[in-house]
């Protein structure tokens, strides 16, 4: 008897789908796997099962991310988080 690892769902290998997920990952500063997972989760919520409808979901998420980036909320959010508060301006962490 052979021991088999549990098989996961085969990843979609459509070039356009992977490109859309890569663009989404780049805009959101997340990994490609996380971007694909987001698209897959949204597609599951919407009931999309075929590749074309998943591309449509990826496109809508990509457009939403672009809109968010144009508003400045996505890029300035990290800057805001990295700014020191007034009470911590002179705090220095030693090695």
Protein backbone atom coordinates (compact mmCIF):
# COMPACT_ATOMS: atom_id res chain seq x y z
CA UNK A 1 0.00 0.00 0.00
CA UNK A 2 1.14 3.47 -0.82
CA UNK A 3 0.65 6.46 1.38
CA UNK A 4 -0.82 9.34 -0.53
CA UNK A 5 -0.84 12.91 0.56
CA UNK A 6 -4.27 14.50 0.58
CA UNK A 7 -4.77 15.97 -2.84
CA UNK A 8 -5.56 19.65 -3.02
CA UNK A 9 -7.59 21.19 -5.77
CA UNK A 10 -5.47 21.63 -8.86
CA UNK A 11 -4.38 25.21 -9.41
CA UNK A 12 -5.78 27.01 -12.41
CA UNK A 13 -3.07 27.34 -15.04
CA UNK A 14 -4.80 29.92 -17.27
CA UNK A 15 -2.23 32.57 -18.19
CA UNK A 16 -4.64 35.53 -18.03
CA UNK A 17 -6.00 34.43 -14.66
CA UNK A 18 -2.49 34.11 -13.21
CA UNK A 19 -1.55 37.54 -14.63
CA UNK A 20 -4.60 39.15 -13.01
CA UNK A 21 -3.75 37.51 -9.68
CA UNK A 22 -0.13 38.67 -9.98
CA UNK A 23 -1.24 42.26 -10.63
CA UNK A 24 -3.59 42.08 -7.64
CA UNK A 25 -0.76 40.75 -5.48
CA UNK A 26 1.50 43.57 -6.61
CA UNK A 27 -1.08 46.27 -5.89
CA UNK A 28 -1.93 44.88 -2.46
CA UNK A 29 1.69 44.03 -1.59
CA UNK A 30 0.79 40.43 -0.82
CA UNK A 31 2.03 37.11 -2.18
CA UNK A 32 0.60 35.65 -5.36
CA UNK A 33 -0.76 32.72 -3.39
CA UNK A 34 -2.64 35.11 -1.09
CA UNK A 35 -4.03 36.99 -4.07
CA UNK A 36 -5.23 33.75 -5.68
CA UNK A 37 -6.76 32.73 -2.36
CA UNK A 38 -8.64 36.05 -2.16
CA UNK A 39 -9.95 35.59 -5.69
CA UNK A 40 -10.92 31.98 -4.96
CA UNK A 41 -12.75 32.94 -1.78
CA UNK A 42 -14.63 35.75 -3.48
CA UNK A 43 -15.45 33.46 -6.41
CA UNK A 44 -16.78 30.83 -4.00
CA UNK A 45 -18.99 33.43 -2.32
CA UNK A 46 -20.28 34.54 -5.72
CA UNK A 47 -20.81 30.95 -6.88
CA UNK A 48 -18.29 31.27 -9.71
CA UNK A 49 -16.86 27.90 -10.70
CA UNK A 50 -15.48 28.19 -14.22
CA UNK A 51 -12.28 29.98 -15.25
CA UNK A 52 -14.03 32.80 -17.10
CA UNK A 53 -16.11 33.80 -14.09
CA UNK A 54 -13.04 33.59 -11.85
CA UNK A 55 -11.28 35.95 -14.26
CA UNK A 56 -14.22 38.32 -13.91
CA UNK A 57 -13.93 38.14 -10.11
CA UNK A 58 -10.16 38.75 -10.31
CA UNK A 59 -10.76 41.72 -12.62
CA UNK A 60 -13.29 43.26 -10.26
CA UNK A 61 -10.96 42.82 -7.27
CA UNK A 62 -8.12 44.32 -9.32
CA UNK A 63 -10.25 47.35 -10.27
CA UNK A 64 -11.25 47.82 -6.62
CA UNK A 65 -7.59 47.69 -5.57
CA UNK A 66 -6.65 50.23 -8.26
CA UNK A 67 -9.42 52.55 -7.11
CA UNK A 68 -8.27 52.21 -3.52
CA UNK A 69 -4.69 52.96 -4.55
CA UNK A 70 -5.76 56.08 -6.48
CA UNK A 71 -7.52 57.33 -3.38
CA UNK A 72 -4.20 56.97 -1.59
CA UNK A 73 -5.55 54.79 1.18
CA UNK A 74 -3.54 51.69 0.25
CA UNK A 75 -0.15 53.34 -0.19
CA UNK A 76 -0.42 55.93 2.55
CA UNK A 77 -1.72 53.41 5.07
CA UNK A 78 1.72 51.86 5.58
CA UNK A 79 3.34 55.30 5.82
CA UNK A 80 0.83 56.28 8.48
CA UNK A 81 1.49 53.11 10.44
CA UNK A 82 5.25 53.63 10.30
CA UNK A 83 5.19 57.21 11.56
CA UNK A 84 6.28 57.66 15.14
CA UNK A 85 3.80 59.13 17.57
CA UNK A 86 4.82 62.31 19.35
CA UNK A 87 5.48 60.51 22.64
CA UNK A 88 7.72 57.94 20.90
CA UNK A 89 9.74 60.25 18.64
CA UNK A 90 12.91 60.01 20.70
CA UNK A 91 12.66 56.33 21.61
CA UNK A 92 15.59 54.29 20.40
CA UNK A 93 15.79 50.54 20.54
CA UNK A 94 19.27 49.20 21.21
CA UNK A 95 20.57 46.03 19.64
